[in-house]
Amino acid sequence: MRPGIGHVAIAFLAVLALSAVSPAAFPQGQPAQPYSAAQLEQLVATIALYPDTLLGPVLMASTYPLEVVEAERWLQVPANAALKGDALASALETIDWDPSVKALVPFPAVLQMMSSHLDWMQQLGDAFLAQQADVMDAVQRLRAQAASAGTLQSTPQQTVTTQDGEIYIEPASPEVVYVPAYDPRVVYGPWPYPDYPPFFFLPPAEFYYGPFPGGIQFSIGFVIVHTFWGWDHFDWRHHRLDVDAHRVNVINRYHIERFHRAPFEGRVWQHNPQHRVGVPYRSPQVRERYERKLPGSPQNRYEYRGHEQAPAPVRVLPPGQPPVRVIPPAQPPVRVIPPAQPPVRVIPPVQPPARVVPAPPPVKRVVPPVVVQPVPRAPERPAAPIYQRSRSGTEAHEFSNRGRESRQSTPSQPAPPSAPPGGGGLPGGQFHRR
């Protein structure tokens, strides 16, 4: 798995733009001139005073310039740059980069310097592939010059020791690394090669504070990721880089288990051309050494089947005639089928959000109040007087008897003297009105 297609395309074009001149400068079959001591010191001057555990990944990763550019572009994504520790190790596990490139991801200042100077990085990698011993000797010569000038010494950020004439630089802390930055034209004393002035790169301002002095300036502290740290070691005496095969296979575990990639074996670092990703080699000898190891190459397929390179056939003629070498007919060129490109993902344009028309408010139905009409009542008839009430025959008979008995029980009153006969009334039953 590699990063996004856009990042890969940008990095690939950037690297090829600088490396396309290599085949023309060194035609097929013509050996490339080795770098001189002056040229090698010119190339390594800006990194010779790095701690050994950081210098090793820088030299190894410079042989994979395209992956270095990819890693630097990957760190430009804010979400990736914020990853630390185990989260960063998990994110890098599925990316198919060389372990040396992954070891530099926790050091964005170093990746930014290498990616910003592709021409220098590619020359450094080519020199390390073709002249590894000479490159290591150039580093030790420059360290000795800096020590003589009084600029290379132990500090709170690093420890400098000398053993068997070789100078070792190690971080002072096992958890934090400070990347040195310096002007090679000053820190080594008088430069002995005026025709090959050293490369000088201003350090990224966001990782260094204050003005750049004439001596060594250290970056902010970068916290190491133990998965990627400490798996390489310089053997300066034998001019080689020793590596821990188990640690390397732990870094590559995802691709070993998922894609059945062969695990690393041995103790000495070996360049892996699979991570070169098509960037041409400067030297035809180096190209012959590594390109034949790529999967799918004709030479690799022939040797995989257990065959050796067959010599040209010779026709044997009778005595007296010189042997004639039979030249085999020209073979048609091998058609190289490019790998299938992943389908281009077409991202549809963002559609404007649909305008939502609010629904009209519900019409409030006004229900007129129900008016209850009073039910007209029949007028009440007043009760008839007692004397007008009708009675039944029995009731009337009883009432008449009670009246008669009442009159009989009451004694009759004598008429007043003045009352005339006939009940005191007037003749004819008329009352006398006074």
Protein backbone atom coordinates (compact mmCIF):
# COMPACT_ATOMS: atom_id res chain seq x y z
CA MET A 1 0.00 0.00 0.00
CA ARG A 2 1.33 3.39 -0.96
CA PRO A 3 0.04 6.92 -0.31
CA GLY A 4 -2.52 8.64 -2.50
CA ILE A 5 -2.07 8.69 -6.26
CA GLY A 6 -1.74 12.49 -6.28
CA HIS A 7 1.19 12.48 -3.84
CA VAL A 8 2.91 9.66 -5.70
CA ALA A 9 2.57 11.36 -9.06
CA ILE A 10 4.00 14.65 -7.79
CA ALA A 11 6.94 12.93 -6.12
CA PHE A 12 7.60 10.67 -9.09
CA LEU A 13 7.73 13.56 -11.56
CA ALA A 14 9.95 15.57 -9.24
CA VAL A 15 12.49 12.77 -8.87
CA LEU A 16 12.51 11.79 -12.52
CA ALA A 17 13.00 15.40 -13.56
CA LEU A 18 16.34 15.37 -11.75
CA SER A 19 17.36 11.80 -12.46
CA ALA A 20 16.48 11.55 -16.13
CA VAL A 21 19.92 12.88 -17.10
CA SER A 22 21.74 10.01 -15.45
CA PRO A 23 21.42 7.45 -18.28
CA ALA A 24 22.47 10.03 -20.84
CA ALA A 25 25.47 11.12 -18.80
CA PHE A 26 26.62 7.52 -18.40
CA PRO A 27 25.88 5.54 -21.58
CA GLN A 28 25.25 1.82 -21.38
CA GLY A 29 28.50 -0.10 -20.92
CA GLN A 30 30.61 2.95 -20.05
CA PRO A 31 31.64 2.90 -16.38
CA ALA A 32 30.79 5.94 -14.31
CA GLN A 33 33.68 7.84 -12.83
CA PRO A 34 33.86 7.31 -9.07
CA TYR A 35 33.40 10.27 -6.78
CA SER A 36 36.63 11.84 -5.58
CA ALA A 37 37.40 12.46 -1.90
CA ALA A 38 36.62 16.15 -2.40
CA GLN A 39 33.24 15.37 -3.95
CA LEU A 40 32.35 12.90 -1.20
CA GLU A 41 33.18 15.36 1.58
CA GLN A 42 31.15 17.98 -0.29
CA LEU A 43 28.14 15.63 -0.24
CA VAL A 44 28.32 14.45 3.40
CA ALA A 45 29.43 17.73 5.02
CA THR A 46 25.91 18.75 6.00
CA ILE A 47 25.10 15.44 7.78
CA ALA A 48 28.49 14.14 8.98
CA LEU A 49 27.88 15.48 12.52
CA TYR A 50 24.50 13.77 12.91
CA PRO A 51 24.22 11.11 15.66
CA ASP A 52 25.15 7.67 14.31
CA THR A 53 21.66 6.27 14.90
CA LEU A 54 20.22 9.08 12.73
CA LEU A 55 22.99 9.21 10.14
CA GLY A 56 22.49 5.52 9.25
CA PRO A 57 18.81 5.90 8.21
CA VAL A 58 19.67 9.10 6.31
CA LEU A 59 22.31 7.33 4.19
CA MET A 60 20.10 4.27 3.60
CA ALA A 61 16.99 6.31 2.80
CA SER A 62 18.89 8.48 0.31
CA THR A 63 19.03 5.41 -1.96
CA TYR A 64 15.19 5.53 -2.11
CA PRO A 65 14.60 9.19 -3.09
CA LEU A 66 11.02 8.72 -4.27
CA GLU A 67 9.90 7.19 -0.97
CA VAL A 68 11.57 10.03 0.94
CA VAL A 69 9.53 12.55 -1.07
CA GLU A 70 6.37 10.52 -0.46
CA ALA A 71 7.02 10.46 3.29
CA GLU A 72 7.58 14.22 3.42
CA ARG A 73 4.33 14.82 1.47
CA TRP A 74 2.54 12.40 3.81
CA LEU A 75 3.62 14.48 6.81
CA GLN A 76 2.14 17.61 5.27
CA VAL A 77 -1.32 16.27 6.10
CA PRO A 78 -2.14 17.75 9.52
CA ALA A 79 -3.80 14.56 10.75
CA ASN A 80 -0.63 12.56 9.95
CA ALA A 81 1.72 15.14 11.44
CA ALA A 82 -0.19 14.95 14.73
CA LEU A 83 0.46 11.21 15.15
CA LYS A 84 2.98 10.19 17.79
CA GLY A 85 4.33 6.97 19.31
CA ASP A 86 2.31 3.80 18.78
CA ALA A 87 -0.35 5.64 16.77
CA LEU A 88 2.30 6.71 14.25
CA ALA A 89 3.75 3.19 14.10
CA SER A 90 0.29 1.74 13.40
CA ALA A 91 -0.38 4.29 10.65
CA LEU A 92 2.93 3.49 8.91
CA GLU A 93 2.57 -0.28 9.21
CA THR A 94 0.52 -0.69 6.01
CA ILE A 95 2.58 1.77 3.89
CA ASP A 96 5.14 0.04 1.69
CA TRP A 97 8.23 2.12 2.50
CA ASP A 98 11.69 0.90 3.36
CA PRO A 99 12.38 0.72 7.13
CA SER A 100 15.00 3.48 6.79
CA VAL A 101 12.38 5.85 5.35
CA LYS A 102 9.92 5.02 8.13
CA ALA A 103 12.68 5.66 10.67
CA LEU A 104 12.91 9.29 9.44
CA VAL A 105 9.18 10.06 9.71
CA PRO A 106 9.45 11.10 13.40
CA PHE A 107 12.05 13.71 12.24
CA PRO A 108 10.19 16.09 9.92
CA ALA A 109 13.12 18.52 9.89
CA VAL A 110 15.33 15.88 8.27
CA LEU A 111 12.70 14.76 5.76
CA GLN A 112 12.02 18.35 4.78
CA MET A 113 15.72 19.01 4.16
CA MET A 114 16.15 15.88 2.02
CA SER A 115 12.96 16.35 0.03
CA SER A 116 13.74 20.02 -0.66
CA HIS A 117 17.15 19.19 -2.16
CA LEU A 118 16.50 16.25 -4.47
CA ASP A 119 19.65 16.64 -6.54
CA TRP A 120 21.87 16.45 -3.47
CA MET A 121 19.90 13.53 -1.97
CA GLN A 122 20.13 11.48 -5.16
CA GLN A 123 23.87 12.06 -5.50
CA LEU A 124 24.36 11.09 -1.85
CA GLY A 125 22.43 7.85 -2.40
CA ASP A 126 24.31 7.01 -5.60
CA ALA A 127 27.63 7.58 -3.84
CA PHE A 128 26.62 5.40 -0.89
CA LEU A 129 25.55 2.56 -3.22
CA ALA A 130 28.72 2.65 -5.33
CA GLN A 131 31.33 3.72 -2.74
CA GLN A 132 30.02 2.90 0.72
CA ALA A 133 33.46 2.56 2.33
CA ASP A 134 34.65 5.86 0.83
CA VAL A 135 31.53 7.66 2.09
CA MET A 136 32.10 6.39 5.64
CA ASP A 137 35.76 7.44 5.51
CA ALA A 138 34.71 10.92 4.38
CA VAL A 139 32.38 11.21 7.40
CA GLN A 140 35.18 10.29 9.81
CA ARG A 141 37.61 12.79 8.23
CA LEU A 142 35.09 15.61 8.62
CA ARG A 143 34.35 14.65 12.24
CA ALA A 144 38.05 14.78 13.01
CA GLN A 145 38.30 18.25 11.44
CA ALA A 146 35.34 19.52 13.48
CA ALA A 147 36.86 18.09 16.68
CA SER A 148 40.17 19.82 15.89
CA ALA A 149 38.30 23.08 15.28
CA GLY A 150 36.65 22.74 18.71
CA THR A 151 33.09 22.66 17.39
CA LEU A 152 32.41 18.94 17.90
CA GLN A 153 32.16 18.03 21.58
CA SER A 154 29.76 16.53 24.07
CA THR A 155 26.77 18.68 24.99
CA PRO A 156 23.47 18.16 26.87
CA GLN A 157 22.04 17.06 23.52
CA GLN A 158 24.73 14.58 22.36
CA THR A 159 27.67 12.51 23.53
CA VAL A 160 30.91 12.39 21.50
CA THR A 161 33.41 9.57 22.11
CA THR A 162 36.51 8.27 20.33
CA GLN A 163 37.32 4.57 20.06
CA ASP A 164 40.11 3.00 17.98
CA GLY A 165 40.54 6.26 16.12
CA GLU A 166 36.85 6.41 15.12
CA ILE A 167 34.54 9.14 16.39
CA TYR A 168 31.08 8.09 17.61
CA ILE A 169 28.19 10.50 18.19
CA GLU A 170 25.19 9.33 20.20
CA PRO A 171 22.12 11.11 21.60
CA ALA A 172 22.47 12.09 25.24
CA SER A 173 18.91 10.98 25.99
CA PRO A 174 17.51 7.53 25.13
CA GLU A 175 14.06 9.05 24.42
CA VAL A 176 14.72 12.37 22.69
CA VAL A 177 16.94 13.27 19.73
CA TYR A 178 18.15 16.78 18.88
CA VAL A 179 19.11 17.21 15.23
CA PRO A 180 22.22 19.39 14.78
CA ALA A 181 22.36 22.15 12.16
CA TYR A 182 25.46 24.07 11.22
CA ASP A 183 27.28 25.92 8.46
CA PRO A 184 29.80 23.46 6.97
CA ARG A 185 31.88 26.37 5.69
CA VAL A 186 32.58 27.36 9.30
CA VAL A 187 32.22 24.35 11.60
CA TYR A 188 35.03 22.32 9.96
CA GLY A 189 37.54 25.17 9.91
CA PRO A 190 39.15 26.23 6.61
CA TRP A 191 37.64 24.19 3.75
CA PRO A 192 40.44 22.39 1.86
CA TYR A 193 38.63 22.06 -1.50
CA PRO A 194 37.80 25.47 -2.99
CA ASP A 195 36.57 23.83 -6.21
CA TYR A 196 34.05 21.75 -4.26
CA PRO A 197 32.48 23.96 -1.58
CA PRO A 198 30.26 22.03 0.84
CA PHE A 199 26.50 22.01 0.49
CA PHE A 200 24.88 24.31 3.00
CA PHE A 201 21.13 24.16 3.77
CA LEU A 202 19.41 26.56 6.11
CA PRO A 203 17.47 24.54 8.70
CA PRO A 204 13.65 24.76 8.74
CA ALA A 205 12.76 27.74 10.90
CA GLU A 206 9.84 26.00 12.63
CA PHE A 207 12.20 23.45 14.24
CA TYR A 208 15.06 25.79 15.25
CA TYR A 209 14.94 28.92 17.38
CA GLY A 210 17.00 32.09 17.30
CA PRO A 211 19.62 33.26 14.82
CA PHE A 212 21.86 30.66 13.20
CA PRO A 213 25.28 30.87 14.92
CA GLY A 214 28.64 29.90 13.52
CA GLY A 215 28.82 26.71 15.56
CA ILE A 216 26.33 23.87 16.00
CA GLN A 217 22.70 24.63 16.72
CA PHE A 218 20.28 21.95 17.91
CA SER A 219 16.64 21.53 16.96
CA ILE A 220 13.73 21.02 19.27
CA GLY A 221 13.66 17.58 20.82
CA PHE A 222 12.06 14.88 18.66
CA VAL A 223 10.60 11.99 20.65
CA ILE A 224 11.72 8.69 19.14
CA VAL A 225 9.38 5.89 18.11
CA HIS A 226 10.96 2.71 19.49
CA THR A 227 9.57 0.55 16.68
CA PHE A 228 11.75 2.41 14.15
CA TRP A 229 14.72 3.34 16.31
CA GLY A 230 18.03 1.66 17.08
CA TRP A 231 17.91 -1.26 14.61
CA ASP A 232 21.10 -0.17 12.78
CA HIS A 233 24.67 0.25 13.96
CA PHE A 234 27.82 1.57 12.22
CA ASP A 235 30.81 -0.74 12.04
CA TRP A 236 33.24 2.02 11.12
CA ARG A 237 36.27 -0.26 11.13
CA HIS A 238 34.82 -2.64 8.52
CA HIS A 239 32.94 0.08 6.60
CA ARG A 240 29.50 -1.45 6.91
CA LEU A 241 26.12 -0.94 8.51
CA ASP A 242 25.02 -3.77 10.77
CA VAL A 243 21.26 -4.24 11.19
CA ASP A 244 19.04 -6.28 13.46
CA ALA A 245 17.16 -8.62 11.11
CA HIS A 246 14.43 -9.32 13.68
CA ARG A 247 13.71 -5.62 14.16
CA VAL A 248 13.61 -5.03 10.42
CA ASN A 249 11.12 -7.88 9.94
CA VAL A 250 8.94 -6.45 12.72
CA ILE A 251 8.72 -3.19 10.77
CA ASN A 252 7.90 -5.14 7.58
CA ARG A 253 5.58 -7.61 9.33
CA TYR A 254 2.42 -6.42 7.56
CA HIS A 255 3.79 -7.03 4.05
CA ILE A 256 5.55 -10.25 5.05
CA GLU A 257 2.33 -11.77 6.41
CA ARG A 258 -0.17 -10.30 3.96
CA PHE A 259 1.80 -10.40 0.71
CA HIS A 260 4.20 -13.26 1.56
CA ARG A 261 7.24 -11.07 1.08
CA ALA A 262 10.52 -12.75 1.91
CA PRO A 263 11.83 -11.67 5.34
CA PHE A 264 15.21 -10.01 5.67
CA GLU A 265 18.10 -12.32 6.51
CA GLY A 266 21.65 -11.52 7.49
CA ARG A 267 23.38 -8.91 9.61
CA VAL A 268 24.61 -6.35 7.08
CA TRP A 269 22.41 -3.78 5.37
CA GLN A 270 21.59 -4.48 1.75
CA HIS A 271 19.93 -2.13 -0.69
CA ASN A 272 16.45 -3.29 -1.76
CA PRO A 273 15.79 -2.28 -5.40
CA GLN A 274 12.04 -2.84 -4.96
CA HIS A 275 11.91 0.42 -3.00
CA ARG A 276 13.83 2.30 -5.69
CA VAL A 277 10.49 2.59 -7.57
CA GLY A 278 11.95 3.13 -11.02
CA VAL A 279 14.49 5.85 -10.22
CA PRO A 280 17.53 5.05 -12.44
CA TYR A 281 20.93 4.24 -10.98
CA ARG A 282 23.89 6.47 -11.79
CA SER A 283 26.43 3.73 -12.37
CA PRO A 284 25.90 0.90 -14.91
CA GLN A 285 27.70 -1.42 -12.50
CA VAL A 286 25.27 -0.57 -9.70
CA ARG A 287 22.38 -0.87 -12.13
CA GLU A 288 23.53 -4.34 -13.18
CA ARG A 289 23.97 -5.36 -9.56
CA TYR A 290 20.47 -4.44 -8.39
CA GLU A 291 18.12 -4.37 -11.37
CA ARG A 292 18.63 -8.07 -12.04
CA LYS A 293 17.25 -8.73 -8.56
CA LEU A 294 13.93 -7.09 -9.33
CA PRO A 295 10.98 -9.52 -9.59
CA GLY A 296 9.94 -10.09 -13.18
CA SER A 297 13.24 -9.22 -14.83
CA PRO A 298 14.25 -11.69 -17.61
CA GLN A 299 17.51 -12.58 -15.88
CA ASN A 300 15.74 -13.15 -12.59
CA ARG A 301 13.13 -15.43 -14.16
CA TYR A 302 15.82 -17.46 -15.97
CA GLU A 303 17.89 -18.00 -12.84
CA TYR A 304 14.78 -18.75 -10.77
CA ARG A 305 14.13 -21.80 -12.96
CA GLY A 306 17.57 -23.17 -12.05
CA HIS A 307 19.34 -22.32 -15.33
CA GLU A 308 22.62 -20.61 -15.88
CA GLN A 309 23.35 -18.12 -18.60
CA ALA A 310 23.67 -20.23 -21.76
CA PRO A 311 26.81 -19.50 -23.84
CA ALA A 312 26.54 -18.59 -27.50
CA PRO A 313 26.30 -21.78 -29.63
CA VAL A 314 29.38 -22.70 -31.69
CA ARG A 315 29.21 -24.80 -34.84
CA VAL A 316 31.97 -27.44 -35.06
CA LEU A 317 33.35 -27.86 -38.61
CA PRO A 318 35.70 -30.54 -39.98
CA PRO A 319 39.43 -30.16 -39.30
CA GLY A 320 41.16 -27.55 -41.34
CA GLN A 321 38.39 -25.02 -41.16
CA PRO A 322 38.23 -22.39 -38.48
CA PRO A 323 35.22 -22.65 -36.23
CA VAL A 324 32.46 -20.33 -37.19
CA ARG A 325 30.47 -18.76 -34.45
CA VAL A 326 26.82 -19.08 -35.13
CA ILE A 327 25.02 -15.89 -34.21
CA PRO A 328 21.56 -16.70 -32.98
CA PRO A 329 18.73 -14.86 -34.65
CA ALA A 330 17.69 -11.68 -33.07
CA GLN A 331 15.01 -12.21 -30.50
CA PRO A 332 11.99 -10.00 -30.65
CA PRO A 333 12.01 -7.39 -27.97
CA VAL A 334 10.26 -8.39 -24.82
CA ARG A 335 7.00 -6.58 -24.57
CA VAL A 336 6.78 -4.96 -21.22
CA ILE A 337 3.22 -4.84 -20.07
CA PRO A 338 2.81 -1.99 -17.64
CA PRO A 339 1.09 -2.89 -14.42
CA ALA A 340 -2.59 -2.32 -14.32
CA GLN A 341 -3.35 1.15 -13.17
CA PRO A 342 -5.90 1.47 -10.44
CA PRO A 343 -9.17 2.84 -11.67
CA VAL A 344 -9.44 6.58 -11.41
CA ARG A 345 -11.86 7.47 -8.76
CA VAL A 346 -14.19 10.12 -10.08
CA ILE A 347 -15.47 12.28 -7.31
CA PRO A 348 -18.76 13.88 -8.31
CA PRO A 349 -19.01 17.61 -7.77
CA VAL A 350 -20.59 18.72 -4.61
CA GLN A 351 -24.26 19.35 -5.23
CA PRO A 352 -25.78 22.43 -3.60
CA PRO A 353 -28.14 21.50 -0.83
CA ALA A 354 -31.74 21.22 -1.93
CA ARG A 355 -33.85 24.18 -0.96
CA VAL A 356 -36.41 23.05 1.54
CA VAL A 357 -39.64 25.01 1.19
CA PRO A 358 -41.31 25.10 4.56
CA ALA A 359 -44.80 23.72 4.63
CA PRO A 360 -47.55 26.30 5.12
CA PRO A 361 -48.83 26.48 8.66
CA PRO A 362 -51.99 24.53 9.23
CA VAL A 363 -55.16 26.58 8.90
CA LYS A 364 -56.77 26.91 12.26
CA ARG A 365 -60.37 25.89 11.91
CA VAL A 366 -62.61 28.19 13.82
CA VAL A 367 -65.56 26.26 15.19
CA PRO A 368 -68.40 28.62 16.11
CA PRO A 369 -69.60 28.10 19.64
CA VAL A 370 -72.70 26.04 20.00
CA VAL A 371 -75.51 28.20 21.30
CA VAL A 372 -77.95 26.13 23.25
CA GLN A 373 -81.39 27.55 22.74
CA PRO A 374 -83.50 27.32 25.85
CA VAL A 375 -86.41 25.00 25.51
CA PRO A 376 -89.60 26.96 26.05
CA ARG A 377 -91.45 25.74 29.03
CA ALA A 378 -95.18 25.61 29.34
CA PRO A 379 -96.43 28.31 31.64
CA GLU A 380 -97.28 27.03 35.01
CA ARG A 381 -100.82 27.16 35.92
CA PRO A 382 -101.40 28.60 39.34
CA ALA A 383 -102.85 26.27 41.84
CA ALA A 384 -106.59 26.67 42.19
CA PRO A 385 -107.92 27.80 45.54
CA ILE A 386 -108.89 25.18 47.91
CA TYR A 387 -112.47 25.84 47.39
CA GLN A 388 -112.11 25.46 43.67
CA ARG A 389 -110.28 22.21 43.74
CA SER A 390 -112.31 19.30 42.58
CA ARG A 391 -112.68 16.44 44.92
CA SER A 392 -113.78 12.95 44.55
CA GLY A 393 -117.21 11.92 45.69
CA THR A 394 -116.01 10.17 48.80
CA GLU A 395 -113.83 13.11 49.82
CA ALA A 396 -116.69 15.56 49.31
CA HIS A 397 -119.08 13.40 51.36
CA GLU A 398 -116.61 13.21 54.26
CA PHE A 399 -115.98 16.89 54.18
CA SER A 400 -119.79 17.56 54.31
CA ASN A 401 -120.23 15.25 57.29
CA ARG A 402 -117.48 17.02 59.26
CA GLY A 403 -119.11 20.33 58.64
CA ARG A 404 -122.48 19.11 59.77
CA GLU A 405 -121.07 17.61 62.94
CA SER A 406 -119.28 20.80 63.70
CA ARG A 407 -122.45 22.85 63.49
CA GLN A 408 -124.37 20.44 65.65
CA SER A 409 -121.72 20.54 68.41
CA THR A 410 -121.73 24.33 68.59
CA PRO A 411 -124.58 25.80 70.88
CA SER A 412 -126.80 28.29 69.23
CA GLN A 413 -126.33 31.92 70.28
CA PRO A 414 -129.40 33.99 71.20
CA ALA A 415 -130.07 36.77 68.91
CA PRO A 416 -129.14 40.19 70.09
CA PRO A 417 -132.00 42.25 71.41
CA SER A 418 -131.75 44.76 68.76
CA ALA A 419 -131.78 42.17 66.14
CA PRO A 420 -135.06 41.92 64.42
CA PRO A 421 -136.84 38.67 64.02
CA GLY A 422 -135.83 36.50 61.26
CA GLY A 423 -132.15 36.37 62.23
CA GLY A 424 -131.65 40.11 62.57
CA GLY A 425 -131.73 40.66 58.92
CA LEU A 426 -133.94 42.66 56.74
CA PRO A 427 -137.02 41.19 55.29
CA GLY A 428 -136.35 39.16 52.35
CA GLY A 429 -132.98 37.99 53.72
CA GLN A 430 -131.15 41.30 53.20
CA PHE A 431 -128.50 42.56 55.60
CA HIS A 432 -128.93 45.91 57.29
CA ARG A 433 -125.98 48.16 56.49
CA ARG A 434 -125.21 50.80 58.97
